[in-house]
Amino acid sequence: MKVAVEIACMAADAGYIPIDRDVVAIAGTGRGADTAILITPKTSRNFFDIKIKEIIAKPVYKE
């Protein structure tokens, strides 16, 4: 989930996504995307104002 937040932050910094609307951020491992969150992104300057609104998918690891 950390990477999904970082991706949204970097995309907001670059101006690729709006900071006033919710977006879906997707991340994963070398095996593919396994995490999706609904987030209100902010730029890195306002990192602590980021709001995760919903966890759509997250991996479940079984040993």
Protein backbone atom coordinates (compact mmCIF):
# COMPACT_ATOMS: atom_id res chain seq x y z
CA MET A 1 0.00 0.00 0.00
CA LYS A 2 2.94 2.31 0.65
CA VAL A 3 3.97 2.14 -2.99
CA ALA A 4 0.44 2.99 -4.19
CA VAL A 5 0.48 6.13 -2.04
CA GLU A 6 3.95 7.06 -3.33
CA ILE A 7 2.84 6.54 -6.94
CA ALA A 8 -0.14 8.86 -6.45
CA CYS A 9 2.11 11.46 -4.82
CA MET A 10 4.65 11.34 -7.66
CA ALA A 11 1.91 11.55 -10.30
CA ALA A 12 0.43 14.59 -8.52
CA ASP A 13 3.88 16.21 -8.36
CA ALA A 14 4.26 15.72 -12.13
CA GLY A 15 0.78 17.13 -12.82
CA TYR A 16 -0.56 13.88 -14.31
CA ILE A 17 -3.48 13.55 -11.88
CA PRO A 18 -5.68 16.16 -10.17
CA ILE A 19 -5.25 16.81 -6.46
CA ASP A 20 -8.88 17.82 -5.99
CA ARG A 21 -10.49 14.54 -7.13
CA ASP A 22 -10.30 10.94 -5.96
CA VAL A 23 -8.19 8.54 -8.03
CA VAL A 24 -7.43 4.82 -7.94
CA ALA A 25 -3.77 4.01 -7.31
CA ILE A 26 -2.52 0.52 -8.17
CA ALA A 27 0.73 -1.14 -7.09
CA GLY A 28 2.16 -4.60 -6.70
CA THR A 29 5.15 -6.88 -6.68
CA GLY A 30 7.27 -8.51 -9.33
CA ARG A 31 4.40 -10.94 -9.86
CA GLY A 32 1.93 -8.20 -10.85
CA ALA A 33 -0.49 -5.66 -9.44
CA ASP A 34 -2.09 -6.82 -6.20
CA THR A 35 -3.02 -3.62 -4.35
CA ALA A 36 -5.55 -0.93 -5.27
CA ILE A 37 -6.68 2.05 -3.19
CA LEU A 38 -9.05 4.97 -3.65
CA ILE A 39 -7.09 8.05 -2.66
CA THR A 40 -7.30 11.83 -2.64
CA PRO A 41 -3.76 12.59 -3.79
CA LYS A 42 -1.60 15.52 -2.75
CA THR A 43 1.80 16.73 -3.87
CA SER A 44 4.86 15.70 -1.88
CA ARG A 45 4.85 19.12 -0.25
CA ASN A 46 1.48 18.23 1.35
CA PHE A 47 2.19 14.52 1.81
CA PHE A 48 0.61 14.31 5.26
CA ASP A 49 -2.72 15.61 3.89
CA ILE A 50 -3.18 12.52 1.71
CA LYS A 51 -6.39 10.63 2.46
CA ILE A 52 -6.87 6.95 1.68
CA LYS A 53 -10.62 6.67 1.23
CA GLU A 54 -10.93 2.96 0.52
CA ILE A 55 -8.80 -0.16 0.23
CA ILE A 56 -10.15 -1.84 -2.89
CA ALA A 57 -7.76 -4.80 -2.98
CA LYS A 58 -4.80 -6.01 -0.96
CA PRO A 59 -2.84 -9.25 -1.01
CA VAL A 60 -3.46 -12.08 1.40
CA TYR A 61 -0.33 -14.09 2.01
CA LYS A 62 -0.78 -17.68 3.12
CA GLU A 63 2.14 -19.83 4.21
